[in-house]
Amino acid sequence: MQGFNQQVFHIKMIEAVDHPDGGRMYQGPKLSAVGVPHAWTTRIVGAGQSGLPEHIIGDRELVTLRQVHGREIHQAPATTTCAHGKSEGTGESGGVGRGRESGEMEMMCVGGMGGVGGDGLVSRDPAQLIAMRMADCGTVLLADRTGRYVAAVHAGWRGVVAGVVGHAVQTMQRLYGVEASQLVGGVGPCIGRAHFEVGHEVAEQFCAVGLGSCVHERPGQAKPHIDLTDAIAQQLADAGVRPDAIDLHDRCTFRDADEFYSYRREGKQAGRMLAMIGARAE
C-alpha cells in the first residue's frame, strides 16, 4: 500500500470526551457504533479520580501485561480475581501515572499469566477490559462488528516493524474466526511525524518491511522522521481491515503536553495513559 490517503477513504477521527468532573478521554465513533466499552485515557484527570475512567470500567476487571515492544499477542485469561485498583509489581493506581524506567507492566490478572510479556491482548469476555499502556507509542483497539470479540494492541515502532498489527488481526481470525473485513477500530494518540525523529538505521527497518512511504526526509533535517500513525494504518489495511473501518487521530503526544504524557518529552519520569476495550455483553 503506497500512502494511506485519509481523504480518499473518508477517515473519521477519534473524539475527545470530557467528563462532568473534569476528566478527558478519547473514543472512536466506529467502536462506539458497535457498542463496545472503550477509551484512550489522557493526563487530564477529573476531581477525585485515579486516572481511570471508572464510568467505562464499572465492575469489569482490567487486564494488561508486561509490554516488551514485540509482536506477541495473547488471549486474556478467563475472568478471575483481577482488580483495577492496584497493579501487581508497580504499586500504581491502575498502572496510570508515573511509570517504571522500562515502561513495562506486569499482567494485572492473577489467572496464571502474571508477568507474561507481549504487546497485545484479545478477549471475548464482557466481564473484563483489556488494556495497553502508552506514552508516545501507538495503540490500536479493534472489535468485530458484533462487538463480541475485541483486541488491544501496543504498537511502538519496534512492534510495527515486527508486524504486531497484522499479527493481532491474524490472532482474532485464528482464535475467533473473525475475518479482517469484519473488524472496526481506532488508532490512539501517539507521537506525531513532526516530532518523531529517528536514526537512519530505524528508517531503513521501516523501508525493509514495506513502510517506506511513512519515512520522511526533508532538506535541512539531519535525520528522517516517521509517521507512526500512517504506518499503523497501512499495516491494518495490508492485513485486510477496511481503511474506512478505522478511526485515526490528529493529536501528538509530544506536542499536546496539556493532554498527554510523552516519554520523548519527559524522559523516564513520564506517566502512562491506557488504551482499553471490552467485549459487548450479550
Foldseek 3Di string as FASTA:
>chain_A
DFFDDCVVLVFAAWDWDADPQFFIWTGDPLLVVLPWQWTWGWPTDGPPDQSDPCVSLPQAAEWEAWEDLAADEEEDDDDDDFDQQAAPPARGRNQWAWHALVNTGWIRDPPPQTHPYDFKYKYQDQRHKYKDKDAAWKKKWKAFSNLRMIMIGTGGLSHLLNLNLLSRQVVCCVPPVGHQQRMAIEMDAHAAQVPAFDAVVSQVSCVVSPNNSQWDDDPPDPTITGGNQRSSLVSSVVSPHRSRRYHYHDHHSQVPVVIHWHCVNPNNRTTIIMIIIGGDDD
